[in-house]
């Protein structure tokens, strides 16, 4: 399983979204039924797979350690 934390989040009725949001560029967001857990900005020259990998790691931090990652509003 390549992205176990993304899969687990989705299995528990969470969701992820990836898209281009002007003026920030590509953004990846993960949320559960109640809260936004992660908001990541794509780095220069970062592939979608690399962004998904960072998203998976950040979801784990949010669920295991209650660390919310927000690269968009910080």
PDB file of N, CA and C in Angstrom:
ATOM      1  N   UNK A   1       0.855  -1.181   0.000  1.00  0.00           N
ATOM      2  CA  UNK A   1       0.000   0.000   0.000  1.00  0.00           C
ATOM      3  C   UNK A   1       0.897   1.239   0.000  1.00  0.00           C
ATOM      4  N   UNK A   2       0.743   2.087  -1.007  1.00  0.00           N
ATOM      5  CA  UNK A   2       1.639   3.225  -1.160  1.00  0.00           C
ATOM      6  C   UNK A   2       1.299   4.391  -0.225  1.00  0.00           C
ATOM      7  N   UNK A   3       0.028   4.654  -0.007  1.00  0.00           N
ATOM      8  CA  UNK A   3      -0.387   5.781   0.834  1.00  0.00           C
ATOM      9  C   UNK A   3      -1.378   5.287   1.898  1.00  0.00           C
ATOM     10  N   UNK A   4      -0.893   4.576   2.909  1.00  0.00           N
ATOM     11  CA  UNK A   4      -1.801   3.957   3.882  1.00  0.00           C
ATOM     12  C   UNK A   4      -2.615   4.955   4.693  1.00  0.00           C
ATOM     13  N   UNK A   5      -2.068   6.114   4.986  1.00  0.00           N
ATOM     14  CA  UNK A   5      -2.799   7.089   5.804  1.00  0.00           C
ATOM     15  C   UNK A   5      -3.908   7.763   5.011  1.00  0.00           C
ATOM     16  N   UNK A   6      -3.675   8.005   3.725  1.00  0.00           N
ATOM     17  CA  UNK A   6      -4.737   8.541   2.864  1.00  0.00           C
ATOM     18  C   UNK A   6      -5.856   7.516   2.759  1.00  0.00           C
ATOM     19  N   UNK A   7      -5.492   6.254   2.529  1.00  0.00           N
ATOM     20  CA  UNK A   7      -6.498   5.198   2.412  1.00  0.00           C
ATOM     21  C   UNK A   7      -7.312   5.056   3.697  1.00  0.00           C
ATOM     22  N   UNK A   8      -6.640   5.082   4.831  1.00  0.00           N
ATOM     23  CA  UNK A   8      -7.323   4.967   6.118  1.00  0.00           C
ATOM     24  C   UNK A   8      -8.273   6.137   6.352  1.00  0.00           C
ATOM     25  N   UNK A   9      -7.822   7.344   6.026  1.00  0.00           N
ATOM     26  CA  UNK A   9      -8.664   8.532   6.192  1.00  0.00           C
ATOM     27  C   UNK A   9      -9.924   8.414   5.342  1.00  0.00           C
ATOM     28  N   UNK A  10      -9.777   8.016   4.093  1.00  0.00           N
ATOM     29  CA  UNK A  10     -10.922   7.890   3.196  1.00  0.00           C
ATOM     30  C   UNK A  10     -11.857   6.778   3.670  1.00  0.00           C
ATOM     31  N   UNK A  11     -11.287   5.672   4.160  1.00  0.00           N
ATOM     32  CA  UNK A  11     -12.109   4.577   4.687  1.00  0.00           C
ATOM     33  C   UNK A  11     -12.942   5.007   5.887  1.00  0.00           C
ATOM     34  N   UNK A  12     -12.476   6.031   6.606  1.00  0.00           N
ATOM     35  CA  UNK A  12     -13.200   6.534   7.790  1.00  0.00           C
ATOM     36  C   UNK A  12     -14.020   7.769   7.454  1.00  0.00           C
ATOM     37  N   UNK A  13     -14.468   7.869   6.197  1.00  0.00           N
ATOM     38  CA  UNK A  13     -15.314   8.965   5.720  1.00  0.00           C
ATOM     39  C   UNK A  13     -14.612  10.311   5.655  1.00  0.00           C
ATOM     40  N   UNK A  14     -13.290  10.322   5.594  1.00  0.00           N
ATOM     41  CA  UNK A  14     -12.561  11.558   5.343  1.00  0.00           C
ATOM     42  C   UNK A  14     -12.416  11.748   3.851  1.00  0.00           C
ATOM     43  N   UNK A  15     -11.709  12.797   3.473  1.00  0.00           N
ATOM     44  CA  UNK A  15     -11.497  13.057   2.052  1.00  0.00           C
ATOM     45  C   UNK A  15     -10.225  13.836   1.829  1.00  0.00           C
ATOM     46  N   UNK A  16      -9.724  13.744   0.604  1.00  0.00           N
ATOM     47  CA  UNK A  16      -8.615  14.594   0.185  1.00  0.00           C
ATOM     48  C   UNK A  16      -9.035  15.309  -1.092  1.00  0.00           C
ATOM     49  N   UNK A  17      -8.434  16.462  -1.320  1.00  0.00           N
ATOM     50  CA  UNK A  17      -8.654  17.232  -2.541  1.00  0.00           C
ATOM     51  C   UNK A  17      -7.315  17.776  -2.992  1.00  0.00           C
ATOM     52  N   UNK A  18      -7.089  17.758  -4.292  1.00  0.00           N
ATOM     53  CA  UNK A  18      -5.888  18.349  -4.872  1.00  0.00           C
ATOM     54  C   UNK A  18      -6.333  19.180  -6.053  1.00  0.00           C
ATOM     55  N   UNK A  19      -5.867  20.418  -6.091  1.00  0.00           N
ATOM     56  CA  UNK A  19      -6.233  21.285  -7.202  1.00  0.00           C
ATOM     57  C   UNK A  19      -5.418  22.553  -7.189  1.00  0.00           C
ATOM     58  N   UNK A  20      -5.617  23.346  -8.221  1.00  0.00           N
ATOM     59  CA  UNK A  20      -4.923  24.615  -8.357  1.00  0.00           C
ATOM     60  C   UNK A  20      -5.817  25.718  -7.809  1.00  0.00           C
ATOM     61  N   UNK A  21      -5.349  26.397  -6.794  1.00  0.00           N
ATOM     62  CA  UNK A  21      -6.111  27.481  -6.175  1.00  0.00           C
ATOM     63  C   UNK A  21      -5.303  28.762  -6.307  1.00  0.00           C
ATOM     64  N   UNK A  22      -5.779  29.650  -7.159  1.00  0.00           N
ATOM     65  CA  UNK A  22      -5.100  30.924  -7.409  1.00  0.00           C
ATOM     66  C   UNK A  22      -5.124  31.773  -6.151  1.00  0.00           C
ATOM     67  N   UNK A  23      -4.116  32.411  -5.732  1.00  0.00           N
ATOM     68  CA  UNK A  23      -2.787  32.558  -6.330  1.00  0.00           C
ATOM     69  C   UNK A  23      -1.766  31.574  -5.751  1.00  0.00           C
ATOM     70  N   UNK A  24      -2.205  30.584  -4.996  1.00  0.00           N
ATOM     71  CA  UNK A  24      -1.292  29.696  -4.281  1.00  0.00           C
ATOM     72  C   UNK A  24      -0.703  28.581  -5.130  1.00  0.00           C
ATOM     73  N   UNK A  25      -1.297  28.250  -6.246  1.00  0.00           N
ATOM     74  CA  UNK A  25      -0.837  27.130  -7.057  1.00  0.00           C
ATOM     75  C   UNK A  25      -1.497  25.847  -6.615  1.00  0.00           C
ATOM     76  N   UNK A  26      -0.816  24.734  -6.804  1.00  0.00           N
ATOM     77  CA  UNK A  26      -1.384  23.433  -6.448  1.00  0.00           C
ATOM     78  C   UNK A  26      -1.427  23.261  -4.933  1.00  0.00           C
ATOM     79  N   UNK A  27      -2.584  22.837  -4.459  1.00  0.00           N
ATOM     80  CA  UNK A  27      -2.836  22.660  -3.029  1.00  0.00           C
ATOM     81  C   UNK A  27      -3.396  21.257  -2.807  1.00  0.00           C
ATOM     82  N   UNK A  28      -2.940  20.596  -1.748  1.00  0.00           N
ATOM     83  CA  UNK A  28      -3.502  19.310  -1.327  1.00  0.00           C
ATOM     84  C   UNK A  28      -4.110  19.505   0.063  1.00  0.00           C
ATOM     85  N   UNK A  29      -5.355  19.077   0.221  1.00  0.00           N
ATOM     86  CA  UNK A  29      -6.081  19.249   1.480  1.00  0.00           C
ATOM     87  C   UNK A  29      -6.626  17.898   1.921  1.00  0.00           C
ATOM     88  N   UNK A  30      -6.539  17.640   3.219  1.00  0.00           N
ATOM     89  CA  UNK A  30      -7.130  16.431   3.801  1.00  0.00           C
ATOM     90  C   UNK A  30      -7.987  16.840   4.986  1.00  0.00           C
ATOM     91  N   UNK A  31      -9.174  16.256   5.060  1.00  0.00           N
ATOM     92  CA  UNK A  31     -10.026  16.538   6.209  1.00  0.00           C
ATOM     93  C   UNK A  31     -10.801  15.300   6.607  1.00  0.00           C
ATOM     94  N   UNK A  32     -11.138  15.247   7.910  1.00  0.00           N
ATOM     95  CA  UNK A  32     -12.027  14.202   8.390  1.00  0.00           C
ATOM     96  C   UNK A  32     -13.436  14.768   8.366  1.00  0.00           C
ATOM     97  N   UNK A  33     -14.358  14.152   9.058  1.00  0.00           N
ATOM     98  CA  UNK A  33     -15.742  14.613   9.028  1.00  0.00           C
ATOM     99  C   UNK A  33     -15.941  15.969   9.697  1.00  0.00           C
ATOM    100  N   UNK A  34     -14.995  16.381  10.542  1.00  0.00           N
ATOM    101  CA  UNK A  34     -15.180  17.597  11.312  1.00  0.00           C
ATOM    102  C   UNK A  34     -14.125  18.669  11.091  1.00  0.00           C
ATOM    103  N   UNK A  35     -12.893  18.276  10.775  1.00  0.00           N
ATOM    104  CA  UNK A  35     -11.787  19.228  10.766  1.00  0.00           C
ATOM    105  C   UNK A  35     -10.887  19.077   9.554  1.00  0.00           C
ATOM    106  N   UNK A  36     -10.288  20.186   9.169  1.00  0.00           N
ATOM    107  CA  UNK A  36      -9.216  20.139   8.188  1.00  0.00           C
ATOM    108  C   UNK A  36      -7.958  19.699   8.923  1.00  0.00           C
ATOM    109  N   UNK A  37      -7.316  18.662   8.409  1.00  0.00           N
ATOM    110  CA  UNK A  37      -6.124  18.102   9.042  1.00  0.00           C
ATOM    111  C   UNK A  37      -4.840  18.609   8.415  1.00  0.00           C
ATOM    112  N   UNK A  38      -4.858  18.819   7.100  1.00  0.00           N
ATOM    113  CA  UNK A  38      -3.645  19.155   6.362  1.00  0.00           C
ATOM    114  C   UNK A  38      -3.996  20.068   5.196  1.00  0.00           C
ATOM    115  N   UNK A  39      -3.154  21.087   4.982  1.00  0.00           N
ATOM    116  CA  UNK A  39      -3.208  21.926   3.787  1.00  0.00           C
ATOM    117  C   UNK A  39      -1.767  22.138   3.331  1.00  0.00           C
ATOM    118  N   UNK A  40      -1.420  21.561   2.185  1.00  0.00           N
ATOM    119  CA  UNK A  40      -0.050  21.648   1.673  1.00  0.00           C
ATOM    120  C   UNK A  40      -0.011  22.416   0.366  1.00  0.00           C
ATOM    121  N   UNK A  41       1.026  23.233   0.199  1.00  0.00           N
ATOM    122  CA  UNK A  41       1.327  23.873  -1.077  1.00  0.00           C
ATOM    123  C   UNK A  41       2.340  23.011  -1.810  1.00  0.00           C
ATOM    124  N   UNK A  42       2.108  22.823  -3.083  1.00  0.00           N
ATOM    125  CA  UNK A  42       3.074  22.085  -3.876  1.00  0.00           C
ATOM    126  C   UNK A  42       4.363  22.889  -3.982  1.00  0.00           C
ATOM    127  N   UNK A  43       5.476  22.208  -3.824  1.00  0.00           N
ATOM    128  CA  UNK A  43       6.786  22.842  -3.928  1.00  0.00           C
ATOM    129  C   UNK A  43       7.190  22.955  -5.398  1.00  0.00           C
ATOM    130  N   UNK A  44       8.097  23.879  -5.719  1.00  0.00           N
ATOM    131  CA  UNK A  44       8.546  23.981  -7.114  1.00  0.00           C
ATOM    132  C   UNK A  44       9.092  22.635  -7.597  1.00  0.00           C
ATOM    133  N   UNK A  45       8.671  22.242  -8.774  1.00  0.00           N
ATOM    134  CA  UNK A  45       9.107  20.999  -9.418  1.00  0.00           C
ATOM    135  C   UNK A  45       8.703  19.735  -8.657  1.00  0.00           C
ATOM    136  N   UNK A  46       7.771  19.831  -7.715  1.00  0.00           N
ATOM    137  CA  UNK A  46       7.303  18.657  -6.973  1.00  0.00           C
ATOM    138  C   UNK A  46       6.253  17.924  -7.814  1.00  0.00           C
ATOM    139  N   UNK A  47       6.408  16.616  -7.955  1.00  0.00           N
ATOM    140  CA  UNK A  47       5.438  15.821  -8.705  1.00  0.00           C
ATOM    141  C   UNK A  47       4.203  15.567  -7.841  1.00  0.00           C
ATOM    142  N   UNK A  48       3.145  15.133  -8.487  1.00  0.00           N
ATOM    143  CA  UNK A  48       1.924  14.789  -7.754  1.00  0.00           C
ATOM    144  C   UNK A  48       2.197  13.638  -6.777  1.00  0.00           C
ATOM    145  N   UNK A  49       2.988  12.664  -7.192  1.00  0.00           N
ATOM    146  CA  UNK A  49       3.316  11.553  -6.289  1.00  0.00           C
ATOM    147  C   UNK A  49       4.085  12.035  -5.059  1.00  0.00           C
ATOM    148  N   UNK A  50       4.980  12.983  -5.252  1.00  0.00           N
ATOM    149  CA  UNK A  50       5.723  13.530  -4.118  1.00  0.00           C
ATOM    150  C   UNK A  50       4.786  14.306  -3.200  1.00  0.00           C
ATOM    151  N   UNK A  51       3.868  15.065  -3.780  1.00  0.00           N
ATOM    152  CA  UNK A  51       2.892  15.805  -2.981  1.00  0.00           C
ATOM    153  C   UNK A  51       1.994  14.833  -2.210  1.00  0.00           C
ATOM    154  N   UNK A  52       1.550  13.772  -2.865  1.00  0.00           N
ATOM    155  CA  UNK A  52       0.732  12.766  -2.179  1.00  0.00           C
ATOM    156  C   UNK A  52       1.502  12.093  -1.045  1.00  0.00           C
ATOM    157  N   UNK A  53       2.781  11.864  -1.248  1.00  0.00           N
ATOM    158  CA  UNK A  53       3.606  11.264  -0.201  1.00  0.00           C
ATOM    159  C   UNK A  53       3.695  12.191   1.011  1.00  0.00           C
ATOM    160  N   UNK A  54       3.919  13.480   0.761  1.00  0.00           N
ATOM    161  CA  UNK A  54       3.958  14.442   1.881  1.00  0.00           C
ATOM    162  C   UNK A  54       2.599  14.530   2.566  1.00  0.00           C
ATOM    163  N   UNK A  55       1.527  14.470   1.772  1.00  0.00           N
ATOM    164  CA  UNK A  55       0.178  14.508   2.335  1.00  0.00           C
ATOM    165  C   UNK A  55      -0.052  13.299   3.231  1.00  0.00           C
ATOM    166  N   UNK A  56       0.355  12.129   2.773  1.00  0.00           N
ATOM    167  CA  UNK A  56       0.201  10.916   3.562  1.00  0.00           C
ATOM    168  C   UNK A  56       0.941  11.039   4.894  1.00  0.00           C
ATOM    169  N   UNK A  57       2.157  11.559   4.867  1.00  0.00           N
ATOM    170  CA  UNK A  57       2.948  11.728   6.095  1.00  0.00           C
ATOM    171  C   UNK A  57       2.298  12.748   7.032  1.00  0.00           C
ATOM    172  N   UNK A  58       1.775  13.838   6.463  1.00  0.00           N
ATOM    173  CA  UNK A  58       1.146  14.872   7.288  1.00  0.00           C
ATOM    174  C   UNK A  58      -0.161  14.373   7.908  1.00  0.00           C
ATOM    175  N   UNK A  59      -0.889  13.524   7.190  1.00  0.00           N
ATOM    176  CA  UNK A  59      -2.106  12.929   7.756  1.00  0.00           C
ATOM    177  C   UNK A  59      -1.744  12.082   8.964  1.00  0.00           C
ATOM    178  N   UNK A  60      -0.672  11.321   8.855  1.00  0.00           N
ATOM    179  CA  UNK A  60      -0.227  10.506   9.991  1.00  0.00           C
ATOM    180  C   UNK A  60       0.089  11.389  11.198  1.00  0.00           C
ATOM    181  N   UNK A  61       0.785  12.503  10.987  1.00  0.00           N
ATOM    182  CA  UNK A  61       1.084  13.430  12.085  1.00  0.00           C
ATOM    183  C   UNK A  61      -0.198  13.970  12.718  1.00  0.00           C
ATOM    184  N   UNK A  62      -1.173  14.292  11.883  1.00  0.00           N
ATOM    185  CA  UNK A  62      -2.429  14.842  12.393  1.00  0.00           C
ATOM    186  C   UNK A  62      -3.196  13.816  13.227  1.00  0.00           C
ATOM    187  N   UNK A  63      -3.231  12.589  12.757  1.00  0.00           N
ATOM    188  CA  UNK A  63      -4.005  11.559  13.456  1.00  0.00           C
ATOM    189  C   UNK A  63      -3.273  11.044  14.691  1.00  0.00           C
ATOM    190  N   UNK A  64      -1.989  10.776  14.546  1.00  0.00           N
ATOM    191  CA  UNK A  64      -1.221  10.178  15.647  1.00  0.00           C
ATOM    192  C   UNK A  64      -0.819  11.201  16.718  1.00  0.00           C
ATOM    193  N   UNK A  65      -0.383  12.385  16.289  1.00  0.00           N
ATOM    194  CA  UNK A  65       0.198  13.363  17.220  1.00  0.00           C
ATOM    195  C   UNK A  65      -0.591  14.667  17.332  1.00  0.00           C
ATOM    196  N   UNK A  66      -1.740  14.738  16.630  1.00  0.00           N
ATOM    197  CA  UNK A  66      -2.585  15.942  16.636  1.00  0.00           C
ATOM    198  C   UNK A  66      -1.824  17.183  16.171  1.00  0.00           C
ATOM    199  N   UNK A  67      -0.925  17.005  15.206  1.00  0.00           N
ATOM    200  CA  UNK A  67      -0.176  18.116  14.614  1.00  0.00           C
ATOM    201  C   UNK A  67      -0.831  18.462  13.286  1.00  0.00           C
ATOM    202  N   UNK A  68      -1.421  19.642  13.200  1.00  0.00           N
ATOM    203  CA  UNK A  68      -2.089  20.108  11.990  1.00  0.00           C
ATOM    204  C   UNK A  68      -1.063  20.874  11.142  1.00  0.00           C
ATOM    205  N   UNK A  69      -0.955  20.499   9.876  1.00  0.00           N
ATOM    206  CA  UNK A  69      -0.029  21.153   8.962  1.00  0.00           C
ATOM    207  C   UNK A  69      -0.824  22.076   8.046  1.00  0.00           C
ATOM    208  N   UNK A  70      -0.482  23.364   8.058  1.00  0.00           N
ATOM    209  CA  UNK A  70      -1.150  24.352   7.201  1.00  0.00           C
ATOM    210  C   UNK A  70      -0.093  25.214   6.527  1.00  0.00           C
ATOM    211  N   UNK A  71       0.231  24.892   5.296  1.00  0.00           N
ATOM    212  CA  UNK A  71       1.207  25.672   4.531  1.00  0.00           C
ATOM    213  C   UNK A  71       0.526  26.781   3.730  1.00  0.00           C
ATOM    214  N   UNK A  72      -0.784  26.833   3.744  1.00  0.00           N
ATOM    215  CA  UNK A  72      -1.523  27.808   2.948  1.00  0.00           C
ATOM    216  C   UNK A  72      -1.785  29.077   3.745  1.00  0.00           C
ATOM    217  N   UNK A  73      -2.226  28.943   4.978  1.00  0.00           N
ATOM    218  CA  UNK A  73      -2.614  30.095   5.788  1.00  0.00           C
ATOM    219  C   UNK A  73      -1.547  30.527   6.798  1.00  0.00           C
ATOM    220  N   UNK A  74      -0.388  29.907   6.755  1.00  0.00           N
ATOM    221  CA  UNK A  74       0.628  30.240   7.764  1.00  0.00           C
ATOM    222  C   UNK A  74       1.452  31.436   7.354  1.00  0.00           C
TER     223      UNK A  74
END
